[in-house]
Amino acid sequence: MRKLLLLSIVLIFSLVLSATTIQFWHAMGGWRIDFLQSQADAFMKLHPDIKVEVQYTGSYRDTLNKMIAGVQAGTAPHVVQVFEIGTQMMIDGEVA
């Protein structure tokens, strides 16, 4: 029975770890959208068990507002790129 339980736990952890998805929101427009996606693609090629979902979320202000709303709703991304003033705003607002 213990071996079956241990095997089940190992299998569950393997399934969870093999399906890791990272959400990355950014405010980089123009050619930088494709550049960031190519960087994510290169990362995923090296780490096939990790999927990176790259999402352009508008201007710096739009991205910051969307991130704050995501934190409040419990749907924030794993990684977000904001401008330096936005970083201070997150610290001051106890978001970061």
PDB file of N, CA and C in Angstrom:
ATOM      1  N   MET A   1       0.819  -1.200   0.000  1.00  0.00           N
ATOM      2  CA  MET A   1       0.000   0.000   0.000  1.00  0.00           C
ATOM      3  C   MET A   1       0.862   1.263   0.000  1.00  0.00           C
ATOM      4  N   ARG A   2       1.935   1.263   0.798  1.00  0.00           N
ATOM      5  CA  ARG A   2       2.818   2.432   0.859  1.00  0.00           C
ATOM      6  C   ARG A   2       3.482   2.688  -0.486  1.00  0.00           C
ATOM      7  N   LYS A   3       3.888   1.613  -1.163  1.00  0.00           N
ATOM      8  CA  LYS A   3       4.533   1.774  -2.466  1.00  0.00           C
ATOM      9  C   LYS A   3       3.559   2.379  -3.472  1.00  0.00           C
ATOM     10  N   LEU A   4       2.311   1.953  -3.434  1.00  0.00           N
ATOM     11  CA  LEU A   4       1.297   2.493  -4.340  1.00  0.00           C
ATOM     12  C   LEU A   4       1.051   3.968  -4.050  1.00  0.00           C
ATOM     13  N   LEU A   5       0.981   4.334  -2.780  1.00  0.00           N
ATOM     14  CA  LEU A   5       0.789   5.732  -2.399  1.00  0.00           C
ATOM     15  C   LEU A   5       1.979   6.576  -2.841  1.00  0.00           C
ATOM     16  N   LEU A   6       3.189   6.091  -2.606  1.00  0.00           N
ATOM     17  CA  LEU A   6       4.389   6.815  -3.013  1.00  0.00           C
ATOM     18  C   LEU A   6       4.430   6.971  -4.533  1.00  0.00           C
ATOM     19  N   LEU A   7       4.104   5.921  -5.247  1.00  0.00           N
ATOM     20  CA  LEU A   7       4.074   5.982  -6.701  1.00  0.00           C
ATOM     21  C   LEU A   7       3.034   6.995  -7.183  1.00  0.00           C
ATOM     22  N   SER A   8       1.885   7.023  -6.541  1.00  0.00           N
ATOM     23  CA  SER A   8       0.838   7.988  -6.900  1.00  0.00           C
ATOM     24  C   SER A   8       1.294   9.418  -6.664  1.00  0.00           C
ATOM     25  N   ILE A   9       1.953   9.665  -5.542  1.00  0.00           N
ATOM     26  CA  ILE A   9       2.447  11.010  -5.239  1.00  0.00           C
ATOM     27  C   ILE A   9       3.495  11.436  -6.264  1.00  0.00           C
ATOM     28  N   VAL A  10       4.420  10.554  -6.582  1.00  0.00           N
ATOM     29  CA  VAL A  10       5.448  10.860  -7.574  1.00  0.00           C
ATOM     30  C   VAL A  10       4.806  11.147  -8.928  1.00  0.00           C
ATOM     31  N   LEU A  11       3.832  10.370  -9.324  1.00  0.00           N
ATOM     32  CA  LEU A  11       3.148  10.575 -10.601  1.00  0.00           C
ATOM     33  C   LEU A  11       2.425  11.920 -10.631  1.00  0.00           C
ATOM     34  N   ILE A  12       1.739  12.268  -9.554  1.00  0.00           N
ATOM     35  CA  ILE A  12       1.027  13.550  -9.494  1.00  0.00           C
ATOM     36  C   ILE A  12       2.010  14.710  -9.599  1.00  0.00           C
ATOM     37  N   PHE A  13       3.113  14.662  -8.842  1.00  0.00           N
ATOM     38  CA  PHE A  13       4.109  15.730  -8.916  1.00  0.00           C
ATOM     39  C   PHE A  13       4.718  15.814 -10.311  1.00  0.00           C
ATOM     40  N   SER A  14       4.955  14.688 -10.944  1.00  0.00           N
ATOM     41  CA  SER A  14       5.508  14.683 -12.298  1.00  0.00           C
ATOM     42  C   SER A  14       4.563  15.358 -13.279  1.00  0.00           C
ATOM     43  N   LEU A  15       3.278  15.075 -13.154  1.00  0.00           N
ATOM     44  CA  LEU A  15       2.295  15.689 -14.045  1.00  0.00           C
ATOM     45  C   LEU A  15       2.192  17.190 -13.809  1.00  0.00           C
ATOM     46  N   VAL A  16       2.204  17.593 -12.550  1.00  0.00           N
ATOM     47  CA  VAL A  16       2.111  19.017 -12.226  1.00  0.00           C
ATOM     48  C   VAL A  16       3.340  19.756 -12.727  1.00  0.00           C
ATOM     49  N   LEU A  17       4.508  19.219 -12.472  1.00  0.00           N
ATOM     50  CA  LEU A  17       5.743  19.890 -12.873  1.00  0.00           C
ATOM     51  C   LEU A  17       5.953  19.893 -14.379  1.00  0.00           C
ATOM     52  N   SER A  18       5.407  18.924 -15.060  1.00  0.00           N
ATOM     53  CA  SER A  18       5.612  18.850 -16.508  1.00  0.00           C
ATOM     54  C   SER A  18       4.681  19.785 -17.272  1.00  0.00           C
ATOM     55  N   ALA A  19       3.749  20.399 -16.593  1.00  0.00           N
ATOM     56  CA  ALA A  19       2.773  21.252 -17.272  1.00  0.00           C
ATOM     57  C   ALA A  19       2.836  22.687 -16.762  1.00  0.00           C
ATOM     58  N   THR A  20       4.034  23.185 -16.515  1.00  0.00           N
ATOM     59  CA  THR A  20       4.188  24.531 -15.973  1.00  0.00           C
ATOM     60  C   THR A  20       3.973  25.572 -17.069  1.00  0.00           C
ATOM     61  N   THR A  21       3.118  26.524 -16.781  1.00  0.00           N
ATOM     62  CA  THR A  21       2.866  27.632 -17.694  1.00  0.00           C
ATOM     63  C   THR A  21       3.141  28.932 -16.964  1.00  0.00           C
ATOM     64  N   ILE A  22       3.903  29.805 -17.611  1.00  0.00           N
ATOM     65  CA  ILE A  22       4.233  31.103 -17.049  1.00  0.00           C
ATOM     66  C   ILE A  22       3.586  32.171 -17.914  1.00  0.00           C
ATOM     67  N   GLN A  23       2.816  33.036 -17.307  1.00  0.00           N
ATOM     68  CA  GLN A  23       2.211  34.159 -18.025  1.00  0.00           C
ATOM     69  C   GLN A  23       3.123  35.376 -17.896  1.00  0.00           C
ATOM     70  N   PHE A  24       3.433  35.991 -19.017  1.00  0.00           N
ATOM     71  CA  PHE A  24       4.309  37.158 -19.050  1.00  0.00           C
ATOM     72  C   PHE A  24       3.596  38.289 -19.794  1.00  0.00           C
ATOM     73  N   TRP A  25       3.270  39.356 -19.068  1.00  0.00           N
ATOM     74  CA  TRP A  25       2.637  40.533 -19.664  1.00  0.00           C
ATOM     75  C   TRP A  25       3.694  41.601 -19.860  1.00  0.00           C
ATOM     76  N   HIS A  26       3.588  42.324 -20.985  1.00  0.00           N
ATOM     77  CA  HIS A  26       4.570  43.372 -21.252  1.00  0.00           C
ATOM     78  C   HIS A  26       3.933  44.536 -22.001  1.00  0.00           C
ATOM     79  N   ALA A  27       4.667  45.639 -22.029  1.00  0.00           N
ATOM     80  CA  ALA A  27       4.187  46.859 -22.688  1.00  0.00           C
ATOM     81  C   ALA A  27       5.072  47.247 -23.868  1.00  0.00           C
ATOM     82  N   MET A  28       5.835  46.310 -24.374  1.00  0.00           N
ATOM     83  CA  MET A  28       6.755  46.601 -25.470  1.00  0.00           C
ATOM     84  C   MET A  28       6.027  46.436 -26.803  1.00  0.00           C
ATOM     85  N   GLY A  29       5.852  47.536 -27.516  1.00  0.00           N
ATOM     86  CA  GLY A  29       5.123  47.498 -28.782  1.00  0.00           C
ATOM     87  C   GLY A  29       6.038  47.332 -29.986  1.00  0.00           C
ATOM     88  N   GLY A  30       5.442  47.405 -31.164  1.00  0.00           N
ATOM     89  CA  GLY A  30       6.193  47.347 -32.417  1.00  0.00           C
ATOM     90  C   GLY A  30       6.941  46.040 -32.599  1.00  0.00           C
ATOM     91  N   TRP A  31       8.159  46.146 -33.127  1.00  0.00           N
ATOM     92  CA  TRP A  31       8.975  44.961 -33.416  1.00  0.00           C
ATOM     93  C   TRP A  31       9.348  44.208 -32.141  1.00  0.00           C
ATOM     94  N   ARG A  32       9.241  44.868 -31.009  1.00  0.00           N
ATOM     95  CA  ARG A  32       9.614  44.231 -29.747  1.00  0.00           C
ATOM     96  C   ARG A  32       8.646  43.108 -29.361  1.00  0.00           C
ATOM     97  N   ILE A  33       7.415  43.174 -29.859  1.00  0.00           N
ATOM     98  CA  ILE A  33       6.449  42.094 -29.590  1.00  0.00           C
ATOM     99  C   ILE A  33       6.987  40.788 -30.144  1.00  0.00           C
ATOM    100  N   ASP A  34       7.421  40.809 -31.397  1.00  0.00           N
ATOM    101  CA  ASP A  34       7.977  39.604 -32.022  1.00  0.00           C
ATOM    102  C   ASP A  34       9.294  39.190 -31.368  1.00  0.00           C
ATOM    103  N   PHE A  35      10.095  40.175 -30.980  1.00  0.00           N
ATOM    104  CA  PHE A  35      11.365  39.877 -30.330  1.00  0.00           C
ATOM    105  C   PHE A  35      11.145  39.143 -29.005  1.00  0.00           C
ATOM    106  N   LEU A  36      10.234  39.639 -28.180  1.00  0.00           N
ATOM    107  CA  LEU A  36       9.972  38.980 -26.897  1.00  0.00           C
ATOM    108  C   LEU A  36       9.407  37.577 -27.103  1.00  0.00           C
ATOM    109  N   GLN A  37       8.559  37.420 -28.128  1.00  0.00           N
ATOM    110  CA  GLN A  37       8.035  36.084 -28.408  1.00  0.00           C
ATOM    111  C   GLN A  37       9.159  35.147 -28.839  1.00  0.00           C
ATOM    112  N   SER A  38      10.094  35.648 -29.655  1.00  0.00           N
ATOM    113  CA  SER A  38      11.217  34.799 -30.084  1.00  0.00           C
ATOM    114  C   SER A  38      12.095  34.408 -28.900  1.00  0.00           C
ATOM    115  N   GLN A  39      12.246  35.319 -27.926  1.00  0.00           N
ATOM    116  CA  GLN A  39      13.011  34.995 -26.724  1.00  0.00           C
ATOM    117  C   GLN A  39      12.296  33.919 -25.910  1.00  0.00           C
ATOM    118  N   ALA A  40      10.987  34.032 -25.806  1.00  0.00           N
ATOM    119  CA  ALA A  40      10.209  33.019 -25.097  1.00  0.00           C
ATOM    120  C   ALA A  40      10.291  31.676 -25.830  1.00  0.00           C
ATOM    121  N   ASP A  41      10.224  31.717 -27.161  1.00  0.00           N
ATOM    122  CA  ASP A  41      10.323  30.483 -27.948  1.00  0.00           C
ATOM    123  C   ASP A  41      11.674  29.804 -27.728  1.00  0.00           C
ATOM    124  N   ALA A  42      12.746  30.592 -27.689  1.00  0.00           N
ATOM    125  CA  ALA A  42      14.078  30.038 -27.447  1.00  0.00           C
ATOM    126  C   ALA A  42      14.158  29.415 -26.051  1.00  0.00           C
ATOM    127  N   PHE A  43      13.575  30.085 -25.065  1.00  0.00           N
ATOM    128  CA  PHE A  43      13.539  29.557 -23.708  1.00  0.00           C
ATOM    129  C   PHE A  43      12.773  28.237 -23.665  1.00  0.00           C
ATOM    130  N   MET A  44      11.613  28.200 -24.328  1.00  0.00           N
ATOM    131  CA  MET A  44      10.793  26.986 -24.308  1.00  0.00           C
ATOM    132  C   MET A  44      11.483  25.837 -25.031  1.00  0.00           C
ATOM    133  N   LYS A  45      12.301  26.154 -26.017  1.00  0.00           N
ATOM    134  CA  LYS A  45      13.044  25.106 -26.718  1.00  0.00           C
ATOM    135  C   LYS A  45      14.059  24.462 -25.768  1.00  0.00           C
ATOM    136  N   LEU A  46      14.678  25.294 -24.924  1.00  0.00           N
ATOM    137  CA  LEU A  46      15.635  24.776 -23.952  1.00  0.00           C
ATOM    138  C   LEU A  46      14.947  24.086 -22.772  1.00  0.00           C
ATOM    139  N   HIS A  47      13.719  24.521 -22.483  1.00  0.00           N
ATOM    140  CA  HIS A  47      12.955  23.994 -21.343  1.00  0.00           C
ATOM    141  C   HIS A  47      11.571  23.559 -21.818  1.00  0.00           C
ATOM    142  N   PRO A  48      11.492  22.420 -22.489  1.00  0.00           N
ATOM    143  CA  PRO A  48      10.221  21.998 -23.103  1.00  0.00           C
ATOM    144  C   PRO A  48       9.086  21.752 -22.119  1.00  0.00           C
ATOM    145  N   ASP A  49       9.386  21.614 -20.838  1.00  0.00           N
ATOM    146  CA  ASP A  49       8.331  21.389 -19.842  1.00  0.00           C
ATOM    147  C   ASP A  49       7.745  22.693 -19.316  1.00  0.00           C
ATOM    148  N   ILE A  50       8.258  23.811 -19.794  1.00  0.00           N
ATOM    149  CA  ILE A  50       7.758  25.113 -19.346  1.00  0.00           C
ATOM    150  C   ILE A  50       7.216  25.866 -20.553  1.00  0.00           C
ATOM    151  N   LYS A  51       5.970  26.298 -20.456  1.00  0.00           N
ATOM    152  CA  LYS A  51       5.344  27.087 -21.512  1.00  0.00           C
ATOM    153  C   LYS A  51       5.273  28.539 -21.045  1.00  0.00           C
ATOM    154  N   VAL A  52       5.700  29.449 -21.900  1.00  0.00           N
ATOM    155  CA  VAL A  52       5.636  30.873 -21.590  1.00  0.00           C
ATOM    156  C   VAL A  52       4.599  31.505 -22.500  1.00  0.00           C
ATOM    157  N   GLU A  53       3.574  32.082 -21.896  1.00  0.00           N
ATOM    158  CA  GLU A  53       2.537  32.792 -22.646  1.00  0.00           C
ATOM    159  C   GLU A  53       2.874  34.281 -22.612  1.00  0.00           C
ATOM    160  N   VAL A  54       3.315  34.801 -23.739  1.00  0.00           N
ATOM    161  CA  VAL A  54       3.713  36.204 -23.840  1.00  0.00           C
ATOM    162  C   VAL A  54       2.508  37.005 -24.317  1.00  0.00           C
ATOM    163  N   GLN A  55       2.175  38.066 -23.585  1.00  0.00           N
ATOM    164  CA  GLN A  55       1.008  38.867 -23.952  1.00  0.00           C
ATOM    165  C   GLN A  55       1.337  40.347 -23.900  1.00  0.00           C
ATOM    166  N   TYR A  56       1.160  41.009 -25.041  1.00  0.00           N
ATOM    167  CA  TYR A  56       1.264  42.464 -25.093  1.00  0.00           C
ATOM    168  C   TYR A  56      -0.015  43.022 -24.473  1.00  0.00           C
ATOM    169  N   THR A  57       0.139  43.907 -23.484  1.00  0.00           N
ATOM    170  CA  THR A  57      -1.027  44.400 -22.751  1.00  0.00           C
ATOM    171  C   THR A  57      -1.241  45.899 -22.902  1.00  0.00           C
ATOM    172  N   GLY A  58      -0.647  46.497 -23.913  1.00  0.00           N
ATOM    173  CA  GLY A  58      -0.864  47.916 -24.169  1.00  0.00           C
ATOM    174  C   GLY A  58       0.262  48.777 -23.634  1.00  0.00           C
ATOM    175  N   SER A  59      -0.042  50.021 -23.399  1.00  0.00           N
ATOM    176  CA  SER A  59       0.954  50.988 -22.924  1.00  0.00           C
ATOM    177  C   SER A  59       1.445  50.598 -21.525  1.00  0.00           C
ATOM    178  N   TYR A  60       2.484  51.297 -21.085  1.00  0.00           N
ATOM    179  CA  TYR A  60       2.972  51.053 -19.728  1.00  0.00           C
ATOM    180  C   TYR A  60       1.864  51.269 -18.701  1.00  0.00           C
ATOM    181  N   ARG A  61       1.119  52.335 -18.849  1.00  0.00           N
ATOM    182  CA  ARG A  61       0.025  52.638 -17.916  1.00  0.00           C
ATOM    183  C   ARG A  61      -1.053  51.557 -18.004  1.00  0.00           C
ATOM    184  N   ASP A  62      -1.413  51.140 -19.229  1.00  0.00           N
ATOM    185  CA  ASP A  62      -2.411  50.077 -19.393  1.00  0.00           C
ATOM    186  C   ASP A  62      -1.952  48.780 -18.734  1.00  0.00           C
ATOM    187  N   THR A  63      -0.680  48.450 -18.934  1.00  0.00           N
ATOM    188  CA  THR A  63      -0.135  47.223 -18.357  1.00  0.00           C
ATOM    189  C   THR A  63      -0.153  47.285 -16.840  1.00  0.00           C
ATOM    190  N   LEU A  64       0.240  48.430 -16.287  1.00  0.00           N
ATOM    191  CA  LEU A  64       0.222  48.602 -14.833  1.00  0.00           C
ATOM    192  C   LEU A  64      -1.200  48.475 -14.296  1.00  0.00           C
ATOM    193  N   ASN A  65      -2.149  49.142 -14.930  1.00  0.00           N
ATOM    194  CA  ASN A  65      -3.546  49.070 -14.486  1.00  0.00           C
ATOM    195  C   ASN A  65      -4.093  47.647 -14.572  1.00  0.00           C
ATOM    196  N   LYS A  66      -3.760  46.953 -15.659  1.00  0.00           N
ATOM    197  CA  LYS A  66      -4.228  45.580 -15.831  1.00  0.00           C
ATOM    198  C   LYS A  66      -3.610  44.672 -14.771  1.00  0.00           C
ATOM    199  N   MET A  67      -2.338  44.891 -14.463  1.00  0.00           N
ATOM    200  CA  MET A  67      -1.681  44.089 -13.451  1.00  0.00           C
ATOM    201  C   MET A  67      -2.303  44.325 -12.073  1.00  0.00           C
ATOM    202  N   ILE A  68      -2.559  45.586 -11.732  1.00  0.00           N
ATOM    203  CA  ILE A  68      -3.189  45.902 -10.439  1.00  0.00           C
ATOM    204  C   ILE A  68      -4.566  45.239 -10.355  1.00  0.00           C
ATOM    205  N   ALA A  69      -5.336  45.332 -11.428  1.00  0.00           N
ATOM    206  CA  ALA A  69      -6.648  44.677 -11.452  1.00  0.00           C
ATOM    207  C   ALA A  69      -6.498  43.164 -11.330  1.00  0.00           C
ATOM    208  N   GLY A  70      -5.468  42.608 -11.965  1.00  0.00           N
ATOM    209  CA  GLY A  70      -5.224  41.174 -11.873  1.00  0.00           C
ATOM    210  C   GLY A  70      -4.871  40.734 -10.465  1.00  0.00           C
ATOM    211  N   VAL A  71      -4.069  41.546  -9.774  1.00  0.00           N
ATOM    212  CA  VAL A  71      -3.717  41.241  -8.386  1.00  0.00           C
ATOM    213  C   VAL A  71      -4.977  41.262  -7.522  1.00  0.00           C
ATOM    214  N   GLN A  72      -5.799  42.282  -7.699  1.00  0.00           N
ATOM    215  CA  GLN A  72      -7.021  42.409  -6.900  1.00  0.00           C
ATOM    216  C   GLN A  72      -7.995  41.259  -7.163  1.00  0.00           C
ATOM    217  N   ALA A  73      -8.010  40.780  -8.417  1.00  0.00           N
ATOM    218  CA  ALA A  73      -8.929  39.699  -8.783  1.00  0.00           C
ATOM    219  C   ALA A  73      -8.321  38.309  -8.578  1.00  0.00           C
ATOM    220  N   GLY A  74      -7.044  38.267  -8.234  1.00  0.00           N
ATOM    221  CA  GLY A  74      -6.376  36.979  -8.072  1.00  0.00           C
ATOM    222  C   GLY A  74      -5.986  36.330  -9.381  1.00  0.00           C
ATOM    223  N   THR A  75      -5.855  37.135 -10.445  1.00  0.00           N
ATOM    224  CA  THR A  75      -5.514  36.596 -11.765  1.00  0.00           C
ATOM    225  C   THR A  75      -4.279  37.262 -12.357  1.00  0.00           C
ATOM    226  N   ALA A  76      -3.398  37.752 -11.499  1.00  0.00           N
ATOM    227  CA  ALA A  76      -2.193  38.438 -11.972  1.00  0.00           C
ATOM    228  C   ALA A  76      -1.269  37.464 -12.695  1.00  0.00           C
ATOM    229  N   PRO A  77      -0.463  37.965 -13.630  1.00  0.00           N
ATOM    230  CA  PRO A  77       0.486  37.093 -14.315  1.00  0.00           C
ATOM    231  C   PRO A  77       1.636  36.715 -13.380  1.00  0.00           C
ATOM    232  N   HIS A  78       2.420  35.749 -13.805  1.00  0.00           N
ATOM    233  CA  HIS A  78       3.595  35.362 -13.034  1.00  0.00           C
ATOM    234  C   HIS A  78       4.700  36.404 -13.165  1.00  0.00           C
ATOM    235  N   VAL A  79       4.799  37.006 -14.358  1.00  0.00           N
ATOM    236  CA  VAL A  79       5.835  38.003 -14.635  1.00  0.00           C
ATOM    237  C   VAL A  79       5.185  39.160 -15.373  1.00  0.00           C
ATOM    238  N   VAL A  80       5.540  40.392 -14.982  1.00  0.00           N
ATOM    239  CA  VAL A  80       5.027  41.569 -15.673  1.00  0.00           C
ATOM    240  C   VAL A  80       6.164  42.571 -15.838  1.00  0.00           C
ATOM    241  N   GLN A  81       6.216  43.195 -16.978  1.00  0.00           N
ATOM    242  CA  GLN A  81       7.229  44.213 -17.260  1.00  0.00           C
ATOM    243  C   GLN A  81       6.536  45.564 -17.204  1.00  0.00           C
ATOM    244  N   VAL A  82       6.995  46.414 -16.276  1.00  0.00           N
ATOM    245  CA  VAL A  82       6.441  47.757 -16.143  1.00  0.00           C
ATOM    246  C   VAL A  82       7.583  48.764 -16.107  1.00  0.00           C
ATOM    247  N   PHE A  83       7.247  50.026 -16.228  1.00  0.00           N
ATOM    248  CA  PHE A  83       8.244  51.086 -16.173  1.00  0.00           C
ATOM    249  C   PHE A  83       8.637  51.363 -14.727  1.00  0.00           C
ATOM    250  N   GLU A  84       9.771  52.074 -14.542  1.00  0.00           N
ATOM    251  CA  GLU A  84      10.314  52.238 -13.185  1.00  0.00           C
ATOM    252  C   GLU A  84       9.356  52.947 -12.235  1.00  0.00           C
ATOM    253  N   ILE A  85       8.602  53.913 -12.706  1.00  0.00           N
ATOM    254  CA  ILE A  85       7.643  54.593 -11.840  1.00  0.00           C
ATOM    255  C   ILE A  85       6.536  53.620 -11.437  1.00  0.00           C
ATOM    256  N   GLY A  86       6.158  52.750 -12.351  1.00  0.00           N
ATOM    257  CA  GLY A  86       5.158  51.730 -12.048  1.00  0.00           C
ATOM    258  C   GLY A  86       5.641  50.778 -10.969  1.00  0.00           C
ATOM    259  N   THR A  87       6.936  50.468 -10.987  1.00  0.00           N
ATOM    260  CA  THR A  87       7.497  49.602  -9.953  1.00  0.00           C
ATOM    261  C   THR A  87       7.353  50.258  -8.586  1.00  0.00           C
ATOM    262  N   GLN A  88       7.678  51.544  -8.506  1.00  0.00           N
ATOM    263  CA  GLN A  88       7.540  52.257  -7.233  1.00  0.00           C
ATOM    264  C   GLN A  88       6.083  52.331  -6.807  1.00  0.00           C
ATOM    265  N   MET A  89       5.186  52.514  -7.770  1.00  0.00           N
ATOM    266  CA  MET A  89       3.762  52.551  -7.446  1.00  0.00           C
ATOM    267  C   MET A  89       3.299  51.208  -6.877  1.00  0.00           C
ATOM    268  N   MET A  90       3.824  50.100  -7.426  1.00  0.00           N
ATOM    269  CA  MET A  90       3.459  48.780  -6.906  1.00  0.00           C
ATOM    270  C   MET A  90       3.980  48.601  -5.486  1.00  0.00           C
ATOM    271  N   ILE A  91       5.203  49.073  -5.229  1.00  0.00           N
ATOM    272  CA  ILE A  91       5.773  48.969  -3.889  1.00  0.00           C
ATOM    273  C   ILE A  91       4.967  49.807  -2.909  1.00  0.00           C
ATOM    274  N   ASP A  92       4.695  51.061  -3.276  1.00  0.00           N
ATOM    275  CA  ASP A  92       3.946  51.954  -2.398  1.00  0.00           C
ATOM    276  C   ASP A  92       2.542  51.424  -2.127  1.00  0.00           C
ATOM    277  N   GLY A  93       1.936  50.803  -3.125  1.00  0.00           N
ATOM    278  CA  GLY A  93       0.587  50.254  -2.973  1.00  0.00           C
ATOM    279  C   GLY A  93       0.572  48.850  -2.425  1.00  0.00           C
ATOM    280  N   GLU A  94       1.745  48.340  -2.020  1.00  0.00           N
ATOM    281  CA  GLU A  94       1.912  46.996  -1.474  1.00  0.00           C
ATOM    282  C   GLU A  94       1.414  45.914  -2.420  1.00  0.00           C
ATOM    283  N   VAL A  95       1.593  46.179  -3.712  1.00  0.00           N
ATOM    284  CA  VAL A  95       1.238  45.180  -4.731  1.00  0.00           C
ATOM    285  C   VAL A  95       2.424  44.255  -4.967  1.00  0.00           C
ATOM    286  N   ALA A  96       3.627  44.812  -4.926  1.00  0.00           N
ATOM    287  CA  ALA A  96       4.836  44.014  -5.184  1.00  0.00           C
ATOM    288  C   ALA A  96       5.427  43.512  -3.886  1.00  0.00           C
TER     289      ALA A  96
END
